[in-house]
Amino acid sequence: MADEKFDEKDREKREEKSTEEKNWDEKWRRDPITSIAWAAIFIWAGLVFLADNLGYLRSIQFAGWEIPGISYVIDLGPWSLILIGAGVIVLLEVLVRLLIPEYRRPVGGLIFFGIFLIAMGLGNVFGWGIIWPLVLIALGLLIILRGIFRR
């Protein structure tokens, strides 16, 4: 009798697990936007590191003339560029979610995360005394806009 209950519970757990796996797999087939965004972030990071390792971020040579690269103009290192690019990619994900009804979901956290990444990337350029108040202002505006446009 006890063995039958144990077998029945074990079978129910396996059925639940397979249902959860199906739901998870189905979710990613229906909503691939987040995985595409993360893949784009990894590709961006790889491109930035490759450009840095090849010296393209330090100077650009064009037809024999050497043009100062991004690092000389505004003193951005590879990590700053990666964070700024990741923030832009996250904000593009927000834009896609807002424009395509099938992928629509709450995006307030994504907006804040994107702004936070961009702020982290720009922190060395403008200084943290300017960046953090701007992040707080953006967060406040986000809360106000959410209250105005709430359905």
Protein backbone atom coordinates (compact mmCIF):
# COMPACT_ATOMS: atom_id res chain seq x y z
CA MET A 1 0.00 0.00 0.00
CA ALA A 2 2.77 2.44 0.93
CA ASP A 3 4.70 1.47 -2.21
CA GLU A 4 1.68 2.27 -4.38
CA LYS A 5 1.35 5.77 -2.85
CA PHE A 6 5.09 6.34 -3.31
CA ASP A 7 4.91 5.25 -6.97
CA GLU A 8 1.86 7.45 -7.52
CA LYS A 9 3.56 10.50 -5.98
CA ASP A 10 6.71 9.82 -7.98
CA ARG A 11 4.70 9.62 -11.20
CA GLU A 12 2.87 12.88 -10.34
CA LYS A 13 6.21 14.65 -9.75
CA ARG A 14 7.54 13.45 -13.10
CA GLU A 15 4.36 14.62 -14.85
CA GLU A 16 4.58 18.03 -13.10
CA LYS A 17 8.23 18.38 -14.05
CA SER A 18 7.58 17.55 -17.68
CA THR A 19 4.68 20.06 -17.69
CA GLU A 20 6.95 22.75 -16.19
CA GLU A 21 9.63 21.99 -18.78
CA LYS A 22 7.02 22.23 -21.53
CA ASN A 23 5.76 25.55 -20.17
CA TRP A 24 9.34 26.92 -19.96
CA ASP A 25 10.18 25.79 -23.48
CA GLU A 26 6.89 27.13 -24.79
CA LYS A 27 7.51 30.47 -23.07
CA TRP A 28 10.85 30.89 -24.85
CA ARG A 29 9.34 29.97 -28.20
CA ARG A 30 6.59 32.54 -27.71
CA ASP A 31 8.89 35.27 -26.29
CA PRO A 32 12.46 35.11 -27.65
CA ILE A 33 13.12 38.85 -27.19
CA THR A 34 15.04 38.58 -23.90
CA SER A 35 17.30 35.81 -25.19
CA ILE A 36 17.98 37.78 -28.37
CA ALA A 37 18.85 40.85 -26.27
CA TRP A 38 21.29 38.87 -24.11
CA ALA A 39 22.87 37.34 -27.20
CA ALA A 40 23.28 40.83 -28.66
CA ILE A 41 24.93 42.00 -25.42
CA PHE A 42 27.45 39.15 -25.57
CA ILE A 43 28.15 39.84 -29.25
CA TRP A 44 28.62 43.56 -28.48
CA ALA A 45 31.02 42.75 -25.64
CA GLY A 46 33.01 40.44 -27.90
CA LEU A 47 33.21 43.08 -30.63
CA VAL A 48 34.38 45.74 -28.17
CA PHE A 49 37.05 43.47 -26.69
CA LEU A 50 38.19 42.46 -30.18
CA ALA A 51 38.41 46.11 -31.27
CA ASP A 52 40.34 46.95 -28.10
CA ASN A 53 42.76 44.03 -28.56
CA LEU A 54 43.36 45.03 -32.19
CA GLY A 55 44.00 48.65 -31.15
CA TYR A 56 40.99 50.17 -32.90
CA LEU A 57 39.77 51.91 -29.77
CA ARG A 58 43.06 53.75 -29.35
CA SER A 59 43.44 55.15 -32.86
CA ILE A 60 41.95 54.71 -36.28
CA GLN A 61 44.17 54.78 -39.37
CA PHE A 62 42.52 55.89 -42.56
CA ALA A 63 44.46 56.37 -45.81
CA GLY A 64 47.73 56.88 -43.95
CA TRP A 65 46.27 59.44 -41.52
CA GLU A 66 45.94 58.54 -37.88
CA ILE A 67 42.65 59.66 -36.37
CA PRO A 68 42.24 59.51 -32.58
CA GLY A 69 39.81 56.82 -31.60
CA ILE A 70 37.04 56.81 -29.05
CA SER A 71 39.38 56.33 -26.11
CA TYR A 72 41.29 59.54 -26.83
CA VAL A 73 38.25 61.68 -27.49
CA ILE A 74 36.16 60.97 -24.39
CA ASP A 75 38.35 58.56 -22.44
CA LEU A 76 36.08 55.52 -22.63
CA GLY A 77 37.61 52.15 -21.92
CA PRO A 78 36.24 48.86 -23.21
CA TRP A 79 34.16 48.20 -20.10
CA SER A 80 32.49 51.60 -20.38
CA LEU A 81 31.64 50.93 -24.01
CA ILE A 82 30.27 47.49 -23.14
CA LEU A 83 28.03 48.91 -20.40
CA ILE A 84 26.76 51.73 -22.61
CA GLY A 85 26.07 49.30 -25.46
CA ALA A 86 24.33 46.85 -23.14
CA GLY A 87 22.13 49.66 -21.83
CA VAL A 88 21.20 50.68 -25.35
CA ILE A 89 20.39 47.05 -26.25
CA VAL A 90 18.16 46.71 -23.17
CA LEU A 91 16.37 49.95 -24.11
CA LEU A 92 15.90 48.59 -27.65
CA GLU A 93 14.33 45.50 -26.09
CA VAL A 94 11.93 47.83 -24.25
CA LEU A 95 11.09 49.55 -27.52
CA VAL A 96 10.38 46.22 -29.23
CA ARG A 97 8.18 45.14 -26.32
CA LEU A 98 6.21 48.38 -26.51
CA LEU A 99 5.78 48.33 -30.29
CA ILE A 100 4.93 44.65 -30.85
CA PRO A 101 1.75 43.63 -29.00
CA GLU A 102 2.62 39.89 -28.92
CA TYR A 103 5.71 40.60 -26.81
CA ARG A 104 4.21 43.30 -24.60
CA ARG A 105 4.80 43.00 -20.85
CA PRO A 106 5.71 45.40 -18.02
CA VAL A 107 8.98 47.15 -18.90
CA GLY A 108 9.61 49.53 -15.99
CA GLY A 109 12.37 47.38 -14.56
CA LEU A 110 14.00 46.98 -17.97
CA ILE A 111 13.98 50.75 -18.51
CA PHE A 112 15.64 51.31 -15.15
CA PHE A 113 18.19 48.54 -15.84
CA GLY A 114 19.05 50.04 -19.24
CA ILE A 115 19.47 53.53 -17.78
CA PHE A 116 21.56 52.10 -14.95
CA LEU A 117 23.91 50.33 -17.40
CA ILE A 118 24.35 53.48 -19.48
CA ALA A 119 25.00 55.51 -16.31
CA MET A 120 27.63 53.01 -15.17
CA GLY A 121 29.33 53.30 -18.56
CA LEU A 122 29.28 57.09 -18.54
CA GLY A 123 30.36 57.41 -14.90
CA ASN A 124 34.03 57.81 -15.77
CA VAL A 125 33.32 60.47 -18.40
CA PHE A 126 31.00 62.85 -16.57
CA GLY A 127 31.72 61.88 -12.96
CA TRP A 128 29.47 60.19 -10.47
CA GLY A 129 28.37 63.52 -8.99
CA ILE A 130 26.44 64.17 -12.19
CA ILE A 131 25.44 60.63 -13.17
CA TRP A 132 23.67 59.52 -9.96
CA PRO A 133 21.38 62.56 -9.72
CA LEU A 134 20.47 62.02 -13.39
CA VAL A 135 19.66 58.36 -12.66
CA LEU A 136 17.41 59.43 -9.77
CA ILE A 137 15.69 62.01 -11.98
CA ALA A 138 15.14 59.34 -14.68
CA LEU A 139 13.73 56.96 -12.07
CA GLY A 140 11.34 59.64 -10.83
CA LEU A 141 10.20 60.42 -14.38
CA LEU A 142 9.71 56.72 -15.01
CA ILE A 143 7.45 56.43 -11.96
CA ILE A 144 5.45 59.50 -13.03
CA LEU A 145 5.03 58.20 -16.60
CA ARG A 146 3.97 54.81 -15.30
CA GLY A 147 1.32 56.47 -13.16
CA ILE A 148 0.06 58.56 -16.07
CA PHE A 149 -0.04 55.77 -18.66
CA ARG A 150 -1.25 52.98 -16.39
CA ARG A 151 -4.13 51.12 -17.99
